[in-house]
Amino acid sequence: QVQVAESGGGLVQTGGSLTLSCTASISVFNRYSMGWYRQAPGKERELVAQMWSYGSPNYADSVKGRFTLSRDNAKKMATLQMNSLRTDGTAVYYCNVGFLGEDYWGQGTQVTVSA
């Protein structure tokens, strides 16, 4: 059974930084897309950033220039560096691992940005 685990959430002030990490127990990790989504209270889940093993990450317009997604295939890990956080970044952040209809989610990690 594939397991996806997130870590690194927490409370930070506006303008601060947090790093989220995601690991996945998948044998052919480099085949899969890695992505981060978030869901704020009362809102739908939205894509934050996503990338394949090769090529550049895709970012939501709201986080471009502030967030950086990277992955380490050897460690089966993806990292989301979040800088210049704003209060609209308060949400539960979920890691997603996907490939050709296979879709795996972590349980989520809370990020709270205070004013």
PDB file of N, CA and C in Angstrom:
ATOM      1  N   GLN A   1       0.841  -1.187   0.000  1.00  0.00           N
ATOM      2  CA  GLN A   1       0.000   0.000   0.000  1.00  0.00           C
ATOM      3  C   GLN A   1       0.875   1.236   0.000  1.00  0.00           C
ATOM      4  N   VAL A   2       0.553   2.175  -0.883  1.00  0.00           N
ATOM      5  CA  VAL A   2       1.329   3.403  -0.976  1.00  0.00           C
ATOM      6  C   VAL A   2       1.004   4.309   0.195  1.00  0.00           C
ATOM      7  N   GLN A   3       2.037   4.836   0.800  1.00  0.00           N
ATOM      8  CA  GLN A   3       1.863   5.790   1.887  1.00  0.00           C
ATOM      9  C   GLN A   3       2.506   7.110   1.510  1.00  0.00           C
ATOM     10  N   VAL A   4       1.759   8.174   1.729  1.00  0.00           N
ATOM     11  CA  VAL A   4       2.237   9.524   1.476  1.00  0.00           C
ATOM     12  C   VAL A   4       2.196  10.277   2.793  1.00  0.00           C
ATOM     13  N   ALA A   5       3.298  10.876   3.178  1.00  0.00           N
ATOM     14  CA  ALA A   5       3.366  11.546   4.476  1.00  0.00           C
ATOM     15  C   ALA A   5       3.920  12.940   4.322  1.00  0.00           C
ATOM     16  N   GLU A   6       3.219  13.899   4.913  1.00  0.00           N
ATOM     17  CA  GLU A   6       3.660  15.298   4.904  1.00  0.00           C
ATOM     18  C   GLU A   6       4.196  15.682   6.275  1.00  0.00           C
ATOM     19  N   SER A   7       5.054  16.682   6.271  1.00  0.00           N
ATOM     20  CA  SER A   7       5.548  17.245   7.526  1.00  0.00           C
ATOM     21  C   SER A   7       5.952  18.691   7.278  1.00  0.00           C
ATOM     22  N   GLY A   8       6.067  19.448   8.378  1.00  0.00           N
ATOM     23  CA  GLY A   8       6.599  20.796   8.264  1.00  0.00           C
ATOM     24  C   GLY A   8       5.602  21.918   8.427  1.00  0.00           C
ATOM     25  N   GLY A   9       4.330  21.617   8.615  1.00  0.00           N
ATOM     26  CA  GLY A   9       3.374  22.694   8.816  1.00  0.00           C
ATOM     27  C   GLY A   9       3.562  23.355  10.163  1.00  0.00           C
ATOM     28  N   GLY A  10       2.802  24.404  10.382  1.00  0.00           N
ATOM     29  CA  GLY A  10       2.883  25.089  11.656  1.00  0.00           C
ATOM     30  C   GLY A  10       2.324  26.485  11.582  1.00  0.00           C
ATOM     31  N   LEU A  11       2.656  27.279  12.580  1.00  0.00           N
ATOM     32  CA  LEU A  11       2.182  28.666  12.701  1.00  0.00           C
ATOM     33  C   LEU A  11       3.337  29.608  12.366  1.00  0.00           C
ATOM     34  N   VAL A  12       3.048  30.581  11.533  1.00  0.00           N
ATOM     35  CA  VAL A  12       4.077  31.542  11.144  1.00  0.00           C
ATOM     36  C   VAL A  12       3.419  32.904  10.960  1.00  0.00           C
ATOM     37  N   GLN A  13       4.169  33.945  11.168  1.00  0.00           N
ATOM     38  CA  GLN A  13       3.643  35.300  10.965  1.00  0.00           C
ATOM     39  C   GLN A  13       3.708  35.676   9.487  1.00  0.00           C
ATOM     40  N   THR A  14       2.890  36.641   9.115  1.00  0.00           N
ATOM     41  CA  THR A  14       2.909  37.169   7.756  1.00  0.00           C
ATOM     42  C   THR A  14       4.330  37.586   7.381  1.00  0.00           C
ATOM     43  N   GLY A  15       4.740  37.157   6.202  1.00  0.00           N
ATOM     44  CA  GLY A  15       6.085  37.453   5.741  1.00  0.00           C
ATOM     45  C   GLY A  15       7.101  36.383   6.077  1.00  0.00           C
ATOM     46  N   GLY A  16       6.707  35.439   6.892  1.00  0.00           N
ATOM     47  CA  GLY A  16       7.613  34.385   7.306  1.00  0.00           C
ATOM     48  C   GLY A  16       7.717  33.262   6.288  1.00  0.00           C
ATOM     49  N   SER A  17       8.455  32.222   6.672  1.00  0.00           N
ATOM     50  CA  SER A  17       8.709  31.095   5.781  1.00  0.00           C
ATOM     51  C   SER A  17       8.442  29.772   6.484  1.00  0.00           C
ATOM     52  N   LEU A  18       8.068  28.807   5.686  1.00  0.00           N
ATOM     53  CA  LEU A  18       7.908  27.430   6.154  1.00  0.00           C
ATOM     54  C   LEU A  18       8.352  26.506   5.034  1.00  0.00           C
ATOM     55  N   THR A  19       8.806  25.327   5.429  1.00  0.00           N
ATOM     56  CA  THR A  19       9.163  24.305   4.450  1.00  0.00           C
ATOM     57  C   THR A  19       8.331  23.061   4.715  1.00  0.00           C
ATOM     58  N   LEU A  20       7.625  22.622   3.698  1.00  0.00           N
ATOM     59  CA  LEU A  20       6.847  21.390   3.788  1.00  0.00           C
ATOM     60  C   LEU A  20       7.584  20.276   3.050  1.00  0.00           C
ATOM     61  N   SER A  21       7.541  19.097   3.623  1.00  0.00           N
ATOM     62  CA  SER A  21       8.171  17.941   2.989  1.00  0.00           C
ATOM     63  C   SER A  21       7.152  16.823   2.814  1.00  0.00           C
ATOM     64  N   CYS A  22       7.353  16.056   1.768  1.00  0.00           N
ATOM     65  CA  CYS A  22       6.461  14.943   1.473  1.00  0.00           C
ATOM     66  C   CYS A  22       7.304  13.752   1.039  1.00  0.00           C
ATOM     67  N   THR A  23       7.021  12.624   1.625  1.00  0.00           N
ATOM     68  CA  THR A  23       7.674  11.389   1.203  1.00  0.00           C
ATOM     69  C   THR A  23       6.599  10.394   0.768  1.00  0.00           C
ATOM     70  N   ALA A  24       6.972   9.544  -0.172  1.00  0.00           N
ATOM     71  CA  ALA A  24       6.022   8.567  -0.689  1.00  0.00           C
ATOM     72  C   ALA A  24       6.698   7.206  -0.821  1.00  0.00           C
ATOM     73  N   SER A  25       6.005   6.200  -0.385  1.00  0.00           N
ATOM     74  CA  SER A  25       6.550   4.834  -0.445  1.00  0.00           C
ATOM     75  C   SER A  25       6.150   4.190  -1.766  1.00  0.00           C
ATOM     76  N   ILE A  26       6.728   4.667  -2.852  1.00  0.00           N
ATOM     77  CA  ILE A  26       6.431   4.165  -4.190  1.00  0.00           C
ATOM     78  C   ILE A  26       7.720   3.640  -4.801  1.00  0.00           C
ATOM     79  N   SER A  27       7.626   2.512  -5.427  1.00  0.00           N
ATOM     80  CA  SER A  27       8.842   1.874  -5.922  1.00  0.00           C
ATOM     81  C   SER A  27       9.470   2.653  -7.068  1.00  0.00           C
ATOM     82  N   VAL A  28       8.678   3.080  -8.036  1.00  0.00           N
ATOM     83  CA  VAL A  28       9.233   3.812  -9.178  1.00  0.00           C
ATOM     84  C   VAL A  28       8.856   5.276  -9.021  1.00  0.00           C
ATOM     85  N   PHE A  29       9.447   5.888  -8.049  1.00  0.00           N
ATOM     86  CA  PHE A  29       9.053   7.248  -7.637  1.00  0.00           C
ATOM     87  C   PHE A  29       9.202   8.250  -8.770  1.00  0.00           C
ATOM     88  N   ASN A  30      10.250   8.099  -9.570  1.00  0.00           N
ATOM     89  CA  ASN A  30      10.505   9.112 -10.582  1.00  0.00           C
ATOM     90  C   ASN A  30       9.477   9.102 -11.712  1.00  0.00           C
ATOM     91  N   ARG A  31       8.613   8.122 -11.749  1.00  0.00           N
ATOM     92  CA  ARG A  31       7.563   8.053 -12.753  1.00  0.00           C
ATOM     93  C   ARG A  31       6.388   8.971 -12.398  1.00  0.00           C
ATOM     94  N   TYR A  32       6.283   9.322 -11.141  1.00  0.00           N
ATOM     95  CA  TYR A  32       5.087   9.991 -10.630  1.00  0.00           C
ATOM     96  C   TYR A  32       5.236  11.500 -10.557  1.00  0.00           C
ATOM     97  N   SER A  33       4.122  12.157 -10.776  1.00  0.00           N
ATOM     98  CA  SER A  33       4.027  13.585 -10.514  1.00  0.00           C
ATOM     99  C   SER A  33       3.928  13.804  -9.012  1.00  0.00           C
ATOM    100  N   MET A  34       4.575  14.858  -8.537  1.00  0.00           N
ATOM    101  CA  MET A  34       4.465  15.254  -7.130  1.00  0.00           C
ATOM    102  C   MET A  34       3.857  16.639  -7.085  1.00  0.00           C
ATOM    103  N   GLY A  35       2.907  16.790  -6.198  1.00  0.00           N
ATOM    104  CA  GLY A  35       2.290  18.100  -6.121  1.00  0.00           C
ATOM    105  C   GLY A  35       1.799  18.433  -4.729  1.00  0.00           C
ATOM    106  N   TRP A  36       1.593  19.706  -4.504  1.00  0.00           N
ATOM    107  CA  TRP A  36       1.018  20.207  -3.260  1.00  0.00           C
ATOM    108  C   TRP A  36      -0.284  20.924  -3.581  1.00  0.00           C
ATOM    109  N   TYR A  37      -1.294  20.613  -2.813  1.00  0.00           N
ATOM    110  CA  TYR A  37      -2.576  21.275  -2.893  1.00  0.00           C
ATOM    111  C   TYR A  37      -2.877  21.850  -1.514  1.00  0.00           C
ATOM    112  N   ARG A  38      -3.814  22.768  -1.474  1.00  0.00           N
ATOM    113  CA  ARG A  38      -4.238  23.300  -0.179  1.00  0.00           C
ATOM    114  C   ARG A  38      -5.728  23.532  -0.172  1.00  0.00           C
ATOM    115  N   GLN A  39      -6.268  23.461   1.018  1.00  0.00           N
ATOM    116  CA  GLN A  39      -7.699  23.710   1.192  1.00  0.00           C
ATOM    117  C   GLN A  39      -7.897  24.603   2.399  1.00  0.00           C
ATOM    118  N   ALA A  40      -8.374  25.797   2.132  1.00  0.00           N
ATOM    119  CA  ALA A  40      -8.669  26.751   3.192  1.00  0.00           C
ATOM    120  C   ALA A  40     -10.087  26.511   3.681  1.00  0.00           C
ATOM    121  N   PRO A  41     -10.400  26.955   4.894  1.00  0.00           N
ATOM    122  CA  PRO A  41     -11.745  26.751   5.439  1.00  0.00           C
ATOM    123  C   PRO A  41     -12.815  27.329   4.521  1.00  0.00           C
ATOM    124  N   GLY A  42     -13.804  26.513   4.204  1.00  0.00           N
ATOM    125  CA  GLY A  42     -14.907  26.966   3.378  1.00  0.00           C
ATOM    126  C   GLY A  42     -14.605  27.064   1.897  1.00  0.00           C
ATOM    127  N   LYS A  43     -13.419  26.612   1.486  1.00  0.00           N
ATOM    128  CA  LYS A  43     -13.038  26.702   0.076  1.00  0.00           C
ATOM    129  C   LYS A  43     -12.687  25.328  -0.468  1.00  0.00           C
ATOM    130  N   GLU A  44     -12.663  25.252  -1.788  1.00  0.00           N
ATOM    131  CA  GLU A  44     -12.293  24.005  -2.431  1.00  0.00           C
ATOM    132  C   GLU A  44     -10.777  23.806  -2.410  1.00  0.00           C
ATOM    133  N   ARG A  45     -10.386  22.572  -2.537  1.00  0.00           N
ATOM    134  CA  ARG A  45      -8.963  22.264  -2.616  1.00  0.00           C
ATOM    135  C   ARG A  45      -8.406  22.817  -3.923  1.00  0.00           C
ATOM    136  N   GLU A  46      -7.226  23.434  -3.854  1.00  0.00           N
ATOM    137  CA  GLU A  46      -6.638  24.030  -5.039  1.00  0.00           C
ATOM    138  C   GLU A  46      -5.182  23.617  -5.185  1.00  0.00           C
ATOM    139  N   LEU A  47      -4.745  23.581  -6.434  1.00  0.00           N
ATOM    140  CA  LEU A  47      -3.348  23.263  -6.711  1.00  0.00           C
ATOM    141  C   LEU A  47      -2.459  24.426  -6.293  1.00  0.00           C
ATOM    142  N   VAL A  48      -1.373  24.093  -5.620  1.00  0.00           N
ATOM    143  CA  VAL A  48      -0.360  25.078  -5.249  1.00  0.00           C
ATOM    144  C   VAL A  48       0.838  24.972  -6.183  1.00  0.00           C
ATOM    145  N   ALA A  49       1.362  23.761  -6.322  1.00  0.00           N
ATOM    146  CA  ALA A  49       2.523  23.536  -7.188  1.00  0.00           C
ATOM    147  C   ALA A  49       2.593  22.063  -7.533  1.00  0.00           C
ATOM    148  N   GLN A  50       3.158  21.779  -8.712  1.00  0.00           N
ATOM    149  CA  GLN A  50       3.218  20.392  -9.167  1.00  0.00           C
ATOM    150  C   GLN A  50       4.399  20.238 -10.099  1.00  0.00           C
ATOM    151  N   MET A  51       5.020  19.056 -10.061  1.00  0.00           N
ATOM    152  CA  MET A  51       6.110  18.828 -11.019  1.00  0.00           C
ATOM    153  C   MET A  51       6.308  17.352 -11.273  1.00  0.00           C
ATOM    154  N   TRP A  52       6.830  17.054 -12.487  1.00  0.00           N
ATOM    155  CA  TRP A  52       7.269  15.726 -12.827  1.00  0.00           C
ATOM    156  C   TRP A  52       8.768  15.631 -12.523  1.00  0.00           C
ATOM    157  N   SER A  53       9.326  14.481 -12.802  1.00  0.00           N
ATOM    158  CA  SER A  53      10.759  14.305 -12.537  1.00  0.00           C
ATOM    159  C   SER A  53      11.611  15.206 -13.412  1.00  0.00           C
ATOM    160  N   TYR A  54      11.116  15.484 -14.598  1.00  0.00           N
ATOM    161  CA  TYR A  54      11.876  16.314 -15.520  1.00  0.00           C
ATOM    162  C   TYR A  54      11.034  17.513 -15.918  1.00  0.00           C
ATOM    163  N   GLY A  55      11.674  18.640 -16.033  1.00  0.00           N
ATOM    164  CA  GLY A  55      10.961  19.860 -16.381  1.00  0.00           C
ATOM    165  C   GLY A  55      10.792  20.754 -15.180  1.00  0.00           C
ATOM    166  N   SER A  56      10.179  21.875 -15.432  1.00  0.00           N
ATOM    167  CA  SER A  56      10.017  22.886 -14.389  1.00  0.00           C
ATOM    168  C   SER A  56       8.690  22.694 -13.656  1.00  0.00           C
ATOM    169  N   PRO A  57       8.652  23.118 -12.417  1.00  0.00           N
ATOM    170  CA  PRO A  57       7.393  23.027 -11.675  1.00  0.00           C
ATOM    171  C   PRO A  57       6.344  23.989 -12.226  1.00  0.00           C
ATOM    172  N   ASN A  58       5.102  23.638 -12.010  1.00  0.00           N
ATOM    173  CA  ASN A  58       3.987  24.531 -12.299  1.00  0.00           C
ATOM    174  C   ASN A  58       3.474  25.103 -10.991  1.00  0.00           C
ATOM    175  N   TYR A  59       3.195  26.402 -10.982  1.00  0.00           N
ATOM    176  CA  TYR A  59       2.740  27.058  -9.761  1.00  0.00           C
ATOM    177  C   TYR A  59       1.415  27.762  -9.986  1.00  0.00           C
ATOM    178  N   ALA A  60       0.630  27.813  -8.934  1.00  0.00           N
ATOM    179  CA  ALA A  60      -0.547  28.679  -8.957  1.00  0.00           C
ATOM    180  C   ALA A  60      -0.059  30.122  -9.036  1.00  0.00           C
ATOM    181  N   ASP A  61      -0.822  30.950  -9.734  1.00  0.00           N
ATOM    182  CA  ASP A  61      -0.424  32.353  -9.879  1.00  0.00           C
ATOM    183  C   ASP A  61      -0.224  33.029  -8.523  1.00  0.00           C
ATOM    184  N   SER A  62      -1.024  32.634  -7.554  1.00  0.00           N
ATOM    185  CA  SER A  62      -0.986  33.294  -6.245  1.00  0.00           C
ATOM    186  C   SER A  62       0.312  33.028  -5.477  1.00  0.00           C
ATOM    187  N   VAL A  63       1.083  32.017  -5.884  1.00  0.00           N
ATOM    188  CA  VAL A  63       2.303  31.688  -5.130  1.00  0.00           C
ATOM    189  C   VAL A  63       3.571  31.871  -5.965  1.00  0.00           C
ATOM    190  N   LYS A  64       3.426  32.199  -7.229  1.00  0.00           N
ATOM    191  CA  LYS A  64       4.603  32.364  -8.089  1.00  0.00           C
ATOM    192  C   LYS A  64       5.533  33.419  -7.518  1.00  0.00           C
ATOM    193  N   GLY A  65       6.808  33.097  -7.505  1.00  0.00           N
ATOM    194  CA  GLY A  65       7.815  34.011  -6.993  1.00  0.00           C
ATOM    195  C   GLY A  65       8.027  33.920  -5.488  1.00  0.00           C
ATOM    196  N   ARG A  66       7.132  33.205  -4.815  1.00  0.00           N
ATOM    197  CA  ARG A  66       7.253  33.076  -3.351  1.00  0.00           C
ATOM    198  C   ARG A  66       7.481  31.636  -2.911  1.00  0.00           C
ATOM    199  N   PHE A  67       6.906  30.690  -3.638  1.00  0.00           N
ATOM    200  CA  PHE A  67       7.025  29.274  -3.290  1.00  0.00           C
ATOM    201  C   PHE A  67       7.946  28.575  -4.298  1.00  0.00           C
ATOM    202  N   THR A  68       8.677  27.592  -3.812  1.00  0.00           N
ATOM    203  CA  THR A  68       9.550  26.799  -4.682  1.00  0.00           C
ATOM    204  C   THR A  68       9.356  25.324  -4.378  1.00  0.00           C
ATOM    205  N   LEU A  69       9.057  24.581  -5.441  1.00  0.00           N
ATOM    206  CA  LEU A  69       8.875  23.139  -5.313  1.00  0.00           C
ATOM    207  C   LEU A  69      10.096  22.429  -5.877  1.00  0.00           C
ATOM    208  N   SER A  70      10.577  21.458  -5.146  1.00  0.00           N
ATOM    209  CA  SER A  70      11.690  20.656  -5.627  1.00  0.00           C
ATOM    210  C   SER A  70      11.451  19.197  -5.229  1.00  0.00           C
ATOM    211  N   ARG A  71      12.180  18.311  -5.875  1.00  0.00           N
ATOM    212  CA  ARG A  71      12.025  16.901  -5.546  1.00  0.00           C
ATOM    213  C   ARG A  71      13.386  16.221  -5.592  1.00  0.00           C
ATOM    214  N   ASP A  72      13.499  15.183  -4.785  1.00  0.00           N
ATOM    215  CA  ASP A  72      14.701  14.366  -4.738  1.00  0.00           C
ATOM    216  C   ASP A  72      14.249  12.933  -4.968  1.00  0.00           C
ATOM    217  N   ASN A  73      14.444  12.454  -6.174  1.00  0.00           N
ATOM    218  CA  ASN A  73      13.945  11.114  -6.509  1.00  0.00           C
ATOM    219  C   ASN A  73      14.654  10.017  -5.720  1.00  0.00           C
ATOM    220  N   ALA A  74      15.919  10.231  -5.413  1.00  0.00           N
ATOM    221  CA  ALA A  74      16.654   9.219  -4.651  1.00  0.00           C
ATOM    222  C   ALA A  74      16.061   9.057  -3.251  1.00  0.00           C
ATOM    223  N   LYS A  75      15.598  10.156  -2.676  1.00  0.00           N
ATOM    224  CA  LYS A  75      15.005  10.109  -1.338  1.00  0.00           C
ATOM    225  C   LYS A  75      13.488   9.948  -1.388  1.00  0.00           C
ATOM    226  N   LYS A  76      12.924   9.917  -2.597  1.00  0.00           N
ATOM    227  CA  LYS A  76      11.472   9.815  -2.773  1.00  0.00           C
ATOM    228  C   LYS A  76      10.772  10.913  -1.985  1.00  0.00           C
ATOM    229  N   MET A  77      11.220  12.133  -2.210  1.00  0.00           N
ATOM    230  CA  MET A  77      10.763  13.253  -1.416  1.00  0.00           C
ATOM    231  C   MET A  77      10.522  14.473  -2.287  1.00  0.00           C
ATOM    232  N   ALA A  78       9.528  15.247  -1.910  1.00  0.00           N
ATOM    233  CA  ALA A  78       9.285  16.546  -2.528  1.00  0.00           C
ATOM    234  C   ALA A  78       9.233  17.587  -1.430  1.00  0.00           C
ATOM    235  N   THR A  79       9.752  18.763  -1.724  1.00  0.00           N
ATOM    236  CA  THR A  79       9.837  19.823  -0.733  1.00  0.00           C
ATOM    237  C   THR A  79       9.224  21.097  -1.291  1.00  0.00           C
ATOM    238  N   LEU A  80       8.394  21.733  -0.500  1.00  0.00           N
ATOM    239  CA  LEU A  80       7.791  23.004  -0.888  1.00  0.00           C
ATOM    240  C   LEU A  80       8.325  24.077   0.055  1.00  0.00           C
ATOM    241  N   GLN A  81       9.146  24.952  -0.473  1.00  0.00           N
ATOM    242  CA  GLN A  81       9.660  26.070   0.305  1.00  0.00           C
ATOM    243  C   GLN A  81       8.716  27.249   0.122  1.00  0.00           C
ATOM    244  N   MET A  82       8.163  27.726   1.198  1.00  0.00           N
ATOM    245  CA  MET A  82       7.181  28.807   1.143  1.00  0.00           C
ATOM    246  C   MET A  82       7.754  30.039   1.824  1.00  0.00           C
ATOM    247  N   ASN A  83       7.958  31.078   1.055  1.00  0.00           N
ATOM    248  CA  ASN A  83       8.477  32.344   1.571  1.00  0.00           C
ATOM    249  C   ASN A  83       7.419  33.434   1.444  1.00  0.00           C
ATOM    250  N   SER A  84       7.630  34.499   2.166  1.00  0.00           N
ATOM    251  CA  SER A  84       6.725  35.660   2.111  1.00  0.00           C
ATOM    252  C   SER A  84       5.276  35.224   2.265  1.00  0.00           C
ATOM    253  N   LEU A  85       5.039  34.423   3.266  1.00  0.00           N
ATOM    254  CA  LEU A  85       3.696  33.890   3.465  1.00  0.00           C
ATOM    255  C   LEU A  85       2.717  35.005   3.811  1.00  0.00           C
ATOM    256  N   ARG A  86       1.507  34.822   3.336  1.00  0.00           N
ATOM    257  CA  ARG A  86       0.421  35.780   3.573  1.00  0.00           C
ATOM    258  C   ARG A  86      -0.700  35.059   4.305  1.00  0.00           C
ATOM    259  N   THR A  87      -1.615  35.835   4.842  1.00  0.00           N
ATOM    260  CA  THR A  87      -2.706  35.217   5.603  1.00  0.00           C
ATOM    261  C   THR A  87      -3.579  34.317   4.720  1.00  0.00           C
ATOM    262  N   ASP A  88      -3.609  34.612   3.419  1.00  0.00           N
ATOM    263  CA  ASP A  88      -4.402  33.739   2.536  1.00  0.00           C
ATOM    264  C   ASP A  88      -3.726  32.395   2.300  1.00  0.00           C
ATOM    265  N   GLY A  89      -2.559  32.207   2.870  1.00  0.00           N
ATOM    266  CA  GLY A  89      -1.882  30.912   2.803  1.00  0.00           C
ATOM    267  C   GLY A  89      -2.322  29.960   3.896  1.00  0.00           C
ATOM    268  N   THR A  90      -3.179  30.435   4.804  1.00  0.00           N
ATOM    269  CA  THR A  90      -3.686  29.572   5.865  1.00  0.00           C
ATOM    270  C   THR A  90      -4.585  28.490   5.265  1.00  0.00           C
ATOM    271  N   ALA A  91      -4.203  27.249   5.478  1.00  0.00           N
ATOM    272  CA  ALA A  91      -4.929  26.134   4.871  1.00  0.00           C
ATOM    273  C   ALA A  91      -4.313  24.829   5.345  1.00  0.00           C
ATOM    274  N   VAL A  92      -4.996  23.750   5.032  1.00  0.00           N
ATOM    275  CA  VAL A  92      -4.389  22.434   5.162  1.00  0.00           C
ATOM    276  C   VAL A  92      -3.723  22.115   3.823  1.00  0.00           C
ATOM    277  N   TYR A  93      -2.469  21.775   3.874  1.00  0.00           N
ATOM    278  CA  TYR A  93      -1.701  21.478   2.680  1.00  0.00           C
ATOM    279  C   TYR A  93      -1.570  19.961   2.513  1.00  0.00           C
ATOM    280  N   TYR A  94      -1.889  19.522   1.308  1.00  0.00           N
ATOM    281  CA  TYR A  94      -1.882  18.091   1.020  1.00  0.00           C
ATOM    282  C   TYR A  94      -0.844  17.773  -0.058  1.00  0.00           C
ATOM    283  N   CYS A  95      -0.142  16.712   0.132  1.00  0.00           N
ATOM    284  CA  CYS A  95       0.776  16.216  -0.893  1.00  0.00           C
ATOM    285  C   CYS A  95       0.037  15.207  -1.769  1.00  0.00           C
ATOM    286  N   ASN A  96       0.253  15.310  -3.052  1.00  0.00           N
ATOM    287  CA  ASN A  96      -0.363  14.399  -4.010  1.00  0.00           C
ATOM    288  C   ASN A  96       0.714  13.740  -4.855  1.00  0.00           C
ATOM    289  N   VAL A  97       0.540  12.461  -5.072  1.00  0.00           N
ATOM    290  CA  VAL A  97       1.438  11.685  -5.933  1.00  0.00           C
ATOM    291  C   VAL A  97       0.573  11.002  -6.971  1.00  0.00           C
ATOM    292  N   GLY A  98       0.870  11.215  -8.250  1.00  0.00           N
ATOM    293  CA  GLY A  98      -0.024  10.684  -9.256  1.00  0.00           C
ATOM    294  C   GLY A  98       0.649  10.256 -10.543  1.00  0.00           C
ATOM    295  N   PHE A  99       0.015   9.295 -11.210  1.00  0.00           N
ATOM    296  CA  PHE A  99       0.504   8.834 -12.519  1.00  0.00           C
ATOM    297  C   PHE A  99      -0.562   7.986 -13.175  1.00  0.00           C
ATOM    298  N   LEU A 100      -1.043   8.411 -14.335  1.00  0.00           N
ATOM    299  CA  LEU A 100      -1.957   7.635 -15.177  1.00  0.00           C
ATOM    300  C   LEU A 100      -3.107   7.027 -14.371  1.00  0.00           C
ATOM    301  N   GLY A 101      -3.835   7.875 -13.696  1.00  0.00           N
ATOM    302  CA  GLY A 101      -5.013   7.409 -12.975  1.00  0.00           C
ATOM    303  C   GLY A 101      -4.738   6.958 -11.559  1.00  0.00           C
ATOM    304  N   GLU A 102      -3.511   6.704 -11.241  1.00  0.00           N
ATOM    305  CA  GLU A 102      -3.152   6.432  -9.847  1.00  0.00           C
ATOM    306  C   GLU A 102      -3.016   7.761  -9.125  1.00  0.00           C
ATOM    307  N   ASP A 103      -3.645   7.853  -7.976  1.00  0.00           N
ATOM    308  CA  ASP A 103      -3.683   9.122  -7.263  1.00  0.00           C
ATOM    309  C   ASP A 103      -3.581   8.832  -5.773  1.00  0.00           C
ATOM    310  N   TYR A 104      -2.565   9.346  -5.139  1.00  0.00           N
ATOM    311  CA  TYR A 104      -2.366   9.100  -3.714  1.00  0.00           C
ATOM    312  C   TYR A 104      -2.223  10.426  -2.986  1.00  0.00           C
ATOM    313  N   TRP A 105      -2.826  10.496  -1.807  1.00  0.00           N
ATOM    314  CA  TRP A 105      -2.846  11.722  -1.015  1.00  0.00           C
ATOM    315  C   TRP A 105      -2.317  11.464   0.385  1.00  0.00           C
ATOM    316  N   GLY A 106      -1.658  12.469   0.913  1.00  0.00           N
ATOM    317  CA  GLY A 106      -1.317  12.447   2.316  1.00  0.00           C
ATOM    318  C   GLY A 106      -2.493  12.921   3.148  1.00  0.00           C
ATOM    319  N   GLN A 107      -2.322  12.896   4.447  1.00  0.00           N
ATOM    320  CA  GLN A 107      -3.406  13.290   5.342  1.00  0.00           C
ATOM    321  C   GLN A 107      -3.481  14.792   5.541  1.00  0.00           C
ATOM    322  N   GLY A 108      -2.464  15.503   5.107  1.00  0.00           N
ATOM    323  CA  GLY A 108      -2.466  16.954   5.190  1.00  0.00           C
ATOM    324  C   GLY A 108      -1.714  17.481   6.399  1.00  0.00           C
ATOM    325  N   THR A 109      -1.212  18.679   6.231  1.00  0.00           N
ATOM    326  CA  THR A 109      -0.533  19.363   7.326  1.00  0.00           C
ATOM    327  C   THR A 109      -1.029  20.801   7.391  1.00  0.00           C
ATOM    328  N   GLN A 110      -1.328  21.257   8.587  1.00  0.00           N
ATOM    329  CA  GLN A 110      -1.922  22.596   8.762  1.00  0.00           C
ATOM    330  C   GLN A 110      -0.842  23.670   8.684  1.00  0.00           C
ATOM    331  N   VAL A 111      -1.115  24.685   7.904  1.00  0.00           N
ATOM    332  CA  VAL A 111      -0.294  25.890   7.865  1.00  0.00           C
ATOM    333  C   VAL A 111      -1.184  27.063   8.261  1.00  0.00           C
ATOM    334  N   THR A 112      -0.772  27.794   9.271  1.00  0.00           N
ATOM    335  CA  THR A 112      -1.518  28.958   9.726  1.00  0.00           C
ATOM    336  C   THR A 112      -0.611  30.176   9.672  1.00  0.00           C
ATOM    337  N   VAL A 113      -1.050  31.192   8.959  1.00  0.00           N
ATOM    338  CA  VAL A 113      -0.293  32.428   8.826  1.00  0.00           C
ATOM    339  C   VAL A 113      -1.045  33.525   9.564  1.00  0.00           C
ATOM    340  N   SER A 114      -0.425  34.044  10.596  1.00  0.00           N
ATOM    341  CA  SER A 114      -1.067  35.076  11.403  1.00  0.00           C
ATOM    342  C   SER A 114      -0.706  36.462  10.895  1.00  0.00           C
ATOM    343  N   ALA A 115      -1.625  37.382  11.125  1.00  0.00           N
ATOM    344  CA  ALA A 115      -1.410  38.763  10.655  1.00  0.00           C
ATOM    345  C   ALA A 115      -0.384  39.505  11.502  1.00  0.00           C
TER     346      ALA A 115
END
